[in-house]
């Protein structure tokens, strides 16, 4: 008789713990990239993991534009600098000082940048599952990004999401057709190490919200026994999950 842990496609305890470890140790990496190149086979594994994300109607609306040339990175870094200056003006006092001290990108330091896009027309005018929620193609692309991020972490590769960019200007730099949506610009590379907690949490920008505040039962605002249920669940997860 097959072991219950592996019967029916279930993961063994070791395999399950590895999945949770990748989730809890994933970081938004913006610094300490190493110059080491990512092997082509490794990059392909990561992109294949992204391509195996769930998508509504099996639309697969994503594309992955790989950027490696120094000149292109320099141009995009210029776009970041312009956008970041405008963003910093939204904060005042100590918050502004804290913002200006944050490292928010690794465009030139990372060996590889990847622009993840969403082609909303893919699949034709009628895609199964989009009749009532047209934005599901955007959500599906975000699932691909998370797959990429977790696969990269399993490979020992850091990923940072650069959201402070003018996407219309970025389209011009990368030759992306106007109807295509840019969803994310990512920096990827091997790193010196992964932090024990998110950079923004460590810097004092924000803290992770307690899970029990975010779980509702049957009706909004009914949190019921969430604290008891999830305290028990957390005990079975890999160590250091509270610092993830």
C-alpha atoms as a PDB file:
ATOM      1  CA  UNK A   1       0.000   0.000   0.000  1.00  0.00           C
ATOM      2  CA  UNK A   2       1.336   3.436  -0.894  1.00  0.00           C
ATOM      3  CA  UNK A   3       2.417   5.729   1.921  1.00  0.00           C
ATOM      4  CA  UNK A   4      -0.365   8.205   2.727  1.00  0.00           C
ATOM      5  CA  UNK A   5       2.090  11.119   2.348  1.00  0.00           C
ATOM      6  CA  UNK A   6       2.741  10.300  -1.296  1.00  0.00           C
ATOM      7  CA  UNK A   7      -0.493   8.577  -2.354  1.00  0.00           C
ATOM      8  CA  UNK A   8      -2.694  10.471  -4.767  1.00  0.00           C
ATOM      9  CA  UNK A   9       0.019  13.026  -5.567  1.00  0.00           C
ATOM     10  CA  UNK A  10       0.348  14.300  -1.993  1.00  0.00           C
ATOM     11  CA  UNK A  11       3.703  15.716  -0.915  1.00  0.00           C
ATOM     12  CA  UNK A  12       5.875  14.035   1.654  1.00  0.00           C
ATOM     13  CA  UNK A  13       6.555  15.993   4.838  1.00  0.00           C
ATOM     14  CA  UNK A  14       9.975  17.039   3.542  1.00  0.00           C
ATOM     15  CA  UNK A  15       8.568  18.211   0.229  1.00  0.00           C
ATOM     16  CA  UNK A  16       5.767  20.119   1.940  1.00  0.00           C
ATOM     17  CA  UNK A  17       8.208  21.853   4.279  1.00  0.00           C
ATOM     18  CA  UNK A  18      10.340  22.899   1.299  1.00  0.00           C
ATOM     19  CA  UNK A  19       7.321  24.606  -0.285  1.00  0.00           C
ATOM     20  CA  UNK A  20       6.549  26.499   2.926  1.00  0.00           C
ATOM     21  CA  UNK A  21      10.205  27.418   3.330  1.00  0.00           C
ATOM     22  CA  UNK A  22      10.274  29.007  -0.121  1.00  0.00           C
ATOM     23  CA  UNK A  23       7.117  30.960   0.737  1.00  0.00           C
ATOM     24  CA  UNK A  24       8.293  32.217   4.115  1.00  0.00           C
ATOM     25  CA  UNK A  25      11.872  32.958   3.020  1.00  0.00           C
ATOM     26  CA  UNK A  26      10.922  34.763  -0.179  1.00  0.00           C
ATOM     27  CA  UNK A  27      12.125  38.353  -0.086  1.00  0.00           C
ATOM     28  CA  UNK A  28      11.781  41.477  -2.192  1.00  0.00           C
ATOM     29  CA  UNK A  29      15.512  41.847  -2.876  1.00  0.00           C
ATOM     30  CA  UNK A  30      16.888  45.219  -3.919  1.00  0.00           C
ATOM     31  CA  UNK A  31      20.541  45.055  -2.899  1.00  0.00           C
ATOM     32  CA  UNK A  32      23.579  42.834  -2.409  1.00  0.00           C
ATOM     33  CA  UNK A  33      23.269  41.232  -5.849  1.00  0.00           C
ATOM     34  CA  UNK A  34      26.294  39.223  -6.944  1.00  0.00           C
ATOM     35  CA  UNK A  35      27.732  39.658 -10.456  1.00  0.00           C
ATOM     36  CA  UNK A  36      27.453  35.911 -11.138  1.00  0.00           C
ATOM     37  CA  UNK A  37      25.468  35.130 -14.257  1.00  0.00           C
ATOM     38  CA  UNK A  38      22.317  33.054 -13.974  1.00  0.00           C
ATOM     39  CA  UNK A  39      22.811  29.917 -16.086  1.00  0.00           C
ATOM     40  CA  UNK A  40      20.447  29.674 -19.042  1.00  0.00           C
ATOM     41  CA  UNK A  41      19.073  26.340 -17.811  1.00  0.00           C
ATOM     42  CA  UNK A  42      18.270  27.847 -14.403  1.00  0.00           C
ATOM     43  CA  UNK A  43      16.571  30.866 -15.943  1.00  0.00           C
ATOM     44  CA  UNK A  44      14.508  28.580 -18.136  1.00  0.00           C
ATOM     45  CA  UNK A  45      13.396  26.521 -15.117  1.00  0.00           C
ATOM     46  CA  UNK A  46      12.278  29.696 -13.363  1.00  0.00           C
ATOM     47  CA  UNK A  47      10.411  31.005 -16.399  1.00  0.00           C
ATOM     48  CA  UNK A  48       8.829  27.595 -16.945  1.00  0.00           C
ATOM     49  CA  UNK A  49       7.571  27.694 -13.349  1.00  0.00           C
ATOM     50  CA  UNK A  50       6.071  31.120 -14.039  1.00  0.00           C
ATOM     51  CA  UNK A  51       4.483  29.805 -17.229  1.00  0.00           C
ATOM     52  CA  UNK A  52       2.797  27.024 -15.227  1.00  0.00           C
ATOM     53  CA  UNK A  53       0.801  29.451 -13.104  1.00  0.00           C
ATOM     54  CA  UNK A  54      -2.944  29.156 -13.019  1.00  0.00           C
ATOM     55  CA  UNK A  55      -4.784  31.358 -15.508  1.00  0.00           C
ATOM     56  CA  UNK A  56      -8.493  31.924 -15.909  1.00  0.00           C
ATOM     57  CA  UNK A  57      -9.794  30.207 -19.036  1.00  0.00           C
ATOM     58  CA  UNK A  58      -6.267  28.869 -19.595  1.00  0.00           C
ATOM     59  CA  UNK A  59      -5.622  32.233 -21.236  1.00  0.00           C
ATOM     60  CA  UNK A  60      -1.888  32.389 -20.352  1.00  0.00           C
ATOM     61  CA  UNK A  61      -1.808  36.164 -20.925  1.00  0.00           C
ATOM     62  CA  UNK A  62       1.778  36.694 -19.784  1.00  0.00           C
ATOM     63  CA  UNK A  63       5.039  37.408 -21.622  1.00  0.00           C
ATOM     64  CA  UNK A  64       8.510  37.703 -20.089  1.00  0.00           C
ATOM     65  CA  UNK A  65      10.930  40.226 -21.580  1.00  0.00           C
ATOM     66  CA  UNK A  66      14.489  39.507 -20.419  1.00  0.00           C
ATOM     67  CA  UNK A  67      16.801  42.531 -20.130  1.00  0.00           C
ATOM     68  CA  UNK A  68      20.568  42.056 -19.759  1.00  0.00           C
ATOM     69  CA  UNK A  69      22.251  44.850 -21.708  1.00  0.00           C
ATOM     70  CA  UNK A  70      23.916  47.517 -19.564  1.00  0.00           C
ATOM     71  CA  UNK A  71      22.733  50.398 -21.768  1.00  0.00           C
ATOM     72  CA  UNK A  72      19.112  49.349 -21.457  1.00  0.00           C
ATOM     73  CA  UNK A  73      19.411  49.007 -17.693  1.00  0.00           C
ATOM     74  CA  UNK A  74      20.990  52.452 -17.476  1.00  0.00           C
ATOM     75  CA  UNK A  75      18.107  54.005 -19.382  1.00  0.00           C
ATOM     76  CA  UNK A  76      15.551  52.278 -17.157  1.00  0.00           C
ATOM     77  CA  UNK A  77      17.460  53.347 -14.049  1.00  0.00           C
ATOM     78  CA  UNK A  78      16.999  56.898 -15.300  1.00  0.00           C
ATOM     79  CA  UNK A  79      13.240  56.326 -15.453  1.00  0.00           C
ATOM     80  CA  UNK A  80      13.340  55.092 -11.863  1.00  0.00           C
ATOM     81  CA  UNK A  81      15.261  58.140 -10.663  1.00  0.00           C
ATOM     82  CA  UNK A  82      12.685  60.480 -12.200  1.00  0.00           C
ATOM     83  CA  UNK A  83       9.728  58.554 -10.777  1.00  0.00           C
ATOM     84  CA  UNK A  84      11.360  58.183  -7.374  1.00  0.00           C
ATOM     85  CA  UNK A  85      11.978  61.907  -7.054  1.00  0.00           C
ATOM     86  CA  UNK A  86       8.288  62.532  -7.712  1.00  0.00           C
ATOM     87  CA  UNK A  87       7.263  59.804  -5.247  1.00  0.00           C
ATOM     88  CA  UNK A  88       9.493  61.136  -2.461  1.00  0.00           C
ATOM     89  CA  UNK A  89       7.686  64.479  -2.622  1.00  0.00           C
ATOM     90  CA  UNK A  90       4.528  62.793  -1.298  1.00  0.00           C
ATOM     91  CA  UNK A  91       6.079  62.308   2.146  1.00  0.00           C
ATOM     92  CA  UNK A  92       7.025  64.834   4.796  1.00  0.00           C
ATOM     93  CA  UNK A  93       9.199  64.999   7.885  1.00  0.00           C
ATOM     94  CA  UNK A  94      10.590  61.776   9.324  1.00  0.00           C
ATOM     95  CA  UNK A  95       8.580  59.692   6.858  1.00  0.00           C
ATOM     96  CA  UNK A  96      10.260  61.521   3.972  1.00  0.00           C
ATOM     97  CA  UNK A  97      13.699  60.958   5.484  1.00  0.00           C
ATOM     98  CA  UNK A  98      12.938  57.274   5.949  1.00  0.00           C
ATOM     99  CA  UNK A  99      11.688  56.981   2.365  1.00  0.00           C
ATOM    100  CA  UNK A 100      14.820  58.589   0.918  1.00  0.00           C
ATOM    101  CA  UNK A 101      16.970  56.162   2.878  1.00  0.00           C
ATOM    102  CA  UNK A 102      15.269  53.083   1.429  1.00  0.00           C
ATOM    103  CA  UNK A 103      16.939  51.037  -1.302  1.00  0.00           C
ATOM    104  CA  UNK A 104      14.061  50.515  -3.731  1.00  0.00           C
ATOM    105  CA  UNK A 105      15.652  48.933  -6.805  1.00  0.00           C
ATOM    106  CA  UNK A 106      18.601  46.939  -8.084  1.00  0.00           C
ATOM    107  CA  UNK A 107      18.184  47.601 -11.789  1.00  0.00           C
ATOM    108  CA  UNK A 108      21.854  47.946 -12.676  1.00  0.00           C
ATOM    109  CA  UNK A 109      23.244  45.671  -9.970  1.00  0.00           C
ATOM    110  CA  UNK A 110      21.142  42.641 -10.894  1.00  0.00           C
ATOM    111  CA  UNK A 111      22.467  40.524 -13.790  1.00  0.00           C
ATOM    112  CA  UNK A 112      18.977  40.085 -15.235  1.00  0.00           C
ATOM    113  CA  UNK A 113      15.876  42.263 -15.333  1.00  0.00           C
ATOM    114  CA  UNK A 114      12.543  40.826 -16.437  1.00  0.00           C
ATOM    115  CA  UNK A 115       9.544  42.832 -17.561  1.00  0.00           C
ATOM    116  CA  UNK A 116       6.346  40.801 -17.094  1.00  0.00           C
ATOM    117  CA  UNK A 117       3.453  41.833 -19.298  1.00  0.00           C
ATOM    118  CA  UNK A 118      -0.189  40.925 -19.852  1.00  0.00           C
ATOM    119  CA  UNK A 119      -1.720  40.695 -23.336  1.00  0.00           C
ATOM    120  CA  UNK A 120      -5.372  41.210 -22.545  1.00  0.00           C
ATOM    121  CA  UNK A 121      -6.632  40.224 -26.003  1.00  0.00           C
ATOM    122  CA  UNK A 122      -5.017  36.804 -25.886  1.00  0.00           C
ATOM    123  CA  UNK A 123      -7.593  34.075 -26.260  1.00  0.00           C
ATOM    124  CA  UNK A 124      -9.992  36.202 -28.291  1.00  0.00           C
ATOM    125  CA  UNK A 125     -13.038  38.253 -27.286  1.00  0.00           C
ATOM    126  CA  UNK A 126     -14.663  35.468 -25.244  1.00  0.00           C
ATOM    127  CA  UNK A 127     -12.444  33.793 -22.670  1.00  0.00           C
ATOM    128  CA  UNK A 128     -13.956  31.276 -20.279  1.00  0.00           C
ATOM    129  CA  UNK A 129     -14.307  32.826 -16.826  1.00  0.00           C
ATOM    130  CA  UNK A 130     -13.895  36.498 -17.804  1.00  0.00           C
ATOM    131  CA  UNK A 131     -17.508  37.379 -18.547  1.00  0.00           C
ATOM    132  CA  UNK A 132     -18.146  38.787 -15.082  1.00  0.00           C
ATOM    133  CA  UNK A 133     -14.589  39.629 -13.981  1.00  0.00           C
ATOM    134  CA  UNK A 134     -12.587  40.947 -16.964  1.00  0.00           C
ATOM    135  CA  UNK A 135      -9.567  41.677 -14.752  1.00  0.00           C
ATOM    136  CA  UNK A 136      -8.848  37.995 -14.183  1.00  0.00           C
ATOM    137  CA  UNK A 137      -6.154  38.137 -16.874  1.00  0.00           C
ATOM    138  CA  UNK A 138      -4.285  40.688 -14.762  1.00  0.00           C
ATOM    139  CA  UNK A 139      -4.715  38.544 -11.668  1.00  0.00           C
ATOM    140  CA  UNK A 140      -3.510  35.478 -13.575  1.00  0.00           C
ATOM    141  CA  UNK A 141      -0.323  37.312 -14.568  1.00  0.00           C
ATOM    142  CA  UNK A 142       0.295  38.127 -10.903  1.00  0.00           C
ATOM    143  CA  UNK A 143       0.066  34.395 -10.186  1.00  0.00           C
ATOM    144  CA  UNK A 144       2.820  33.842 -12.764  1.00  0.00           C
ATOM    145  CA  UNK A 145       4.970  36.452 -11.018  1.00  0.00           C
ATOM    146  CA  UNK A 146       4.541  34.707  -7.670  1.00  0.00           C
ATOM    147  CA  UNK A 147       5.481  31.367  -9.241  1.00  0.00           C
ATOM    148  CA  UNK A 148       8.596  32.989 -10.682  1.00  0.00           C
ATOM    149  CA  UNK A 149       9.482  34.506  -7.319  1.00  0.00           C
ATOM    150  CA  UNK A 150       9.142  31.254  -5.395  1.00  0.00           C
ATOM    151  CA  UNK A 151      11.030  29.235  -8.002  1.00  0.00           C
ATOM    152  CA  UNK A 152      13.825  31.800  -7.947  1.00  0.00           C
ATOM    153  CA  UNK A 153      14.028  31.575  -4.149  1.00  0.00           C
ATOM    154  CA  UNK A 154      14.300  27.790  -4.398  1.00  0.00           C
ATOM    155  CA  UNK A 155      17.218  28.320  -6.808  1.00  0.00           C
ATOM    156  CA  UNK A 156      18.922  30.712  -4.371  1.00  0.00           C
ATOM    157  CA  UNK A 157      18.153  33.695  -6.606  1.00  0.00           C
ATOM    158  CA  UNK A 158      16.819  37.011  -5.323  1.00  0.00           C
ATOM    159  CA  UNK A 159      14.009  38.924  -7.017  1.00  0.00           C
ATOM    160  CA  UNK A 160      13.005  42.547  -6.515  1.00  0.00           C
ATOM    161  CA  UNK A 161       9.842  44.195  -7.876  1.00  0.00           C
ATOM    162  CA  UNK A 162      10.493  47.754  -9.093  1.00  0.00           C
ATOM    163  CA  UNK A 163       7.119  49.494  -9.061  1.00  0.00           C
ATOM    164  CA  UNK A 164       8.411  53.069  -9.120  1.00  0.00           C
ATOM    165  CA  UNK A 165       8.538  53.466 -12.885  1.00  0.00           C
ATOM    166  CA  UNK A 166       6.598  55.268 -15.597  1.00  0.00           C
ATOM    167  CA  UNK A 167       5.255  52.250 -17.458  1.00  0.00           C
ATOM    168  CA  UNK A 168       4.400  54.216 -20.582  1.00  0.00           C
ATOM    169  CA  UNK A 169       7.984  55.448 -20.829  1.00  0.00           C
ATOM    170  CA  UNK A 170       9.189  51.908 -20.099  1.00  0.00           C
ATOM    171  CA  UNK A 171       7.124  50.628 -23.019  1.00  0.00           C
ATOM    172  CA  UNK A 172       8.977  53.024 -25.323  1.00  0.00           C
ATOM    173  CA  UNK A 173      12.367  51.840 -24.059  1.00  0.00           C
ATOM    174  CA  UNK A 174      11.517  48.153 -24.480  1.00  0.00           C
ATOM    175  CA  UNK A 175       9.424  48.423 -27.653  1.00  0.00           C
ATOM    176  CA  UNK A 176       6.333  46.966 -26.002  1.00  0.00           C
ATOM    177  CA  UNK A 177       3.159  47.415 -28.095  1.00  0.00           C
ATOM    178  CA  UNK A 178       0.711  49.952 -26.706  1.00  0.00           C
ATOM    179  CA  UNK A 179      -2.185  47.527 -26.028  1.00  0.00           C
ATOM    180  CA  UNK A 180       0.042  45.273 -23.893  1.00  0.00           C
ATOM    181  CA  UNK A 181      -0.009  45.975 -20.157  1.00  0.00           C
ATOM    182  CA  UNK A 182       3.163  46.019 -18.065  1.00  0.00           C
ATOM    183  CA  UNK A 183       2.450  44.261 -14.778  1.00  0.00           C
ATOM    184  CA  UNK A 184       5.896  44.098 -13.176  1.00  0.00           C
ATOM    185  CA  UNK A 185       9.524  45.011 -13.677  1.00  0.00           C
ATOM    186  CA  UNK A 186      11.744  42.568 -11.781  1.00  0.00           C
ATOM    187  CA  UNK A 187      15.449  42.507 -10.900  1.00  0.00           C
ATOM    188  CA  UNK A 188      16.969  39.021 -10.562  1.00  0.00           C
ATOM    189  CA  UNK A 189      20.295  37.635  -9.462  1.00  0.00           C
ATOM    190  CA  UNK A 190      22.223  35.610  -6.953  1.00  0.00           C
ATOM    191  CA  UNK A 191      22.641  37.508  -3.685  1.00  0.00           C
ATOM    192  CA  UNK A 192      24.970  37.557  -0.697  1.00  0.00           C
ATOM    193  CA  UNK A 193      22.132  36.289   1.476  1.00  0.00           C
ATOM    194  CA  UNK A 194      18.423  36.518   2.197  1.00  0.00           C
ATOM    195  CA  UNK A 195      17.305  38.708   5.095  1.00  0.00           C
ATOM    196  CA  UNK A 196      15.494  37.146   8.042  1.00  0.00           C
ATOM    197  CA  UNK A 197      12.634  39.614   7.557  1.00  0.00           C
ATOM    198  CA  UNK A 198      11.407  41.973   4.816  1.00  0.00           C
ATOM    199  CA  UNK A 199      13.499  45.113   4.288  1.00  0.00           C
ATOM    200  CA  UNK A 200      10.543  47.456   4.792  1.00  0.00           C
ATOM    201  CA  UNK A 201       9.700  45.780   8.088  1.00  0.00           C
ATOM    202  CA  UNK A 202      13.301  45.938   9.246  1.00  0.00           C
ATOM    203  CA  UNK A 203      13.497  49.624   8.279  1.00  0.00           C
ATOM    204  CA  UNK A 204      10.366  50.401  10.272  1.00  0.00           C
ATOM    205  CA  UNK A 205       8.213  51.312   7.268  1.00  0.00           C
ATOM    206  CA  UNK A 206       5.429  48.813   8.033  1.00  0.00           C
ATOM    207  CA  UNK A 207       4.870  45.611  10.007  1.00  0.00           C
ATOM    208  CA  UNK A 208       3.131  42.422   8.950  1.00  0.00           C
ATOM    209  CA  UNK A 209      -0.497  42.414  10.056  1.00  0.00           C
ATOM    210  CA  UNK A 210      -1.604  39.603  12.380  1.00  0.00           C
ATOM    211  CA  UNK A 211      -3.387  36.900  10.389  1.00  0.00           C
ATOM    212  CA  UNK A 212      -6.280  36.712  12.850  1.00  0.00           C
ATOM    213  CA  UNK A 213      -7.250  40.279  11.913  1.00  0.00           C
ATOM    214  CA  UNK A 214      -7.635  39.297   8.259  1.00  0.00           C
ATOM    215  CA  UNK A 215      -9.660  36.065   8.433  1.00  0.00           C
ATOM    216  CA  UNK A 216     -13.464  36.259   8.456  1.00  0.00           C
ATOM    217  CA  UNK A 217     -16.033  33.448   8.772  1.00  0.00           C
ATOM    218  CA  UNK A 218     -19.280  33.354   6.786  1.00  0.00           C
ATOM    219  CA  UNK A 219     -19.828  37.134   7.121  1.00  0.00           C
ATOM    220  CA  UNK A 220     -17.438  40.091   6.955  1.00  0.00           C
ATOM    221  CA  UNK A 221     -16.259  41.054  10.425  1.00  0.00           C
ATOM    222  CA  UNK A 222     -16.995  37.665  12.010  1.00  0.00           C
ATOM    223  CA  UNK A 223     -13.542  36.497  13.010  1.00  0.00           C
ATOM    224  CA  UNK A 224     -14.828  33.663  15.159  1.00  0.00           C
ATOM    225  CA  UNK A 225     -12.127  31.276  16.332  1.00  0.00           C
ATOM    226  CA  UNK A 226      -9.513  32.383  13.810  1.00  0.00           C
ATOM    227  CA  UNK A 227      -6.849  33.006  16.436  1.00  0.00           C
ATOM    228  CA  UNK A 228      -7.115  29.506  17.901  1.00  0.00           C
ATOM    229  CA  UNK A 229      -7.330  27.771  14.515  1.00  0.00           C
ATOM    230  CA  UNK A 230      -4.372  29.548  12.989  1.00  0.00           C
ATOM    231  CA  UNK A 231      -2.200  29.458  16.079  1.00  0.00           C
ATOM    232  CA  UNK A 232      -2.412  25.666  15.821  1.00  0.00           C
ATOM    233  CA  UNK A 233      -1.624  25.774  12.101  1.00  0.00           C
ATOM    234  CA  UNK A 234       1.410  27.999  12.567  1.00  0.00           C
ATOM    235  CA  UNK A 235       2.911  25.548  15.021  1.00  0.00           C
ATOM    236  CA  UNK A 236       3.239  22.973  12.244  1.00  0.00           C
ATOM    237  CA  UNK A 237       4.996  25.326   9.795  1.00  0.00           C
ATOM    238  CA  UNK A 238       8.770  25.618   9.334  1.00  0.00           C
ATOM    239  CA  UNK A 239      10.777  27.586  11.873  1.00  0.00           C
ATOM    240  CA  UNK A 240      11.302  31.362  11.446  1.00  0.00           C
ATOM    241  CA  UNK A 241       7.909  31.802   9.746  1.00  0.00           C
ATOM    242  CA  UNK A 242       7.054  34.625  12.160  1.00  0.00           C
ATOM    243  CA  UNK A 243       9.915  36.671  10.686  1.00  0.00           C
ATOM    244  CA  UNK A 244       9.021  36.181   7.057  1.00  0.00           C
END
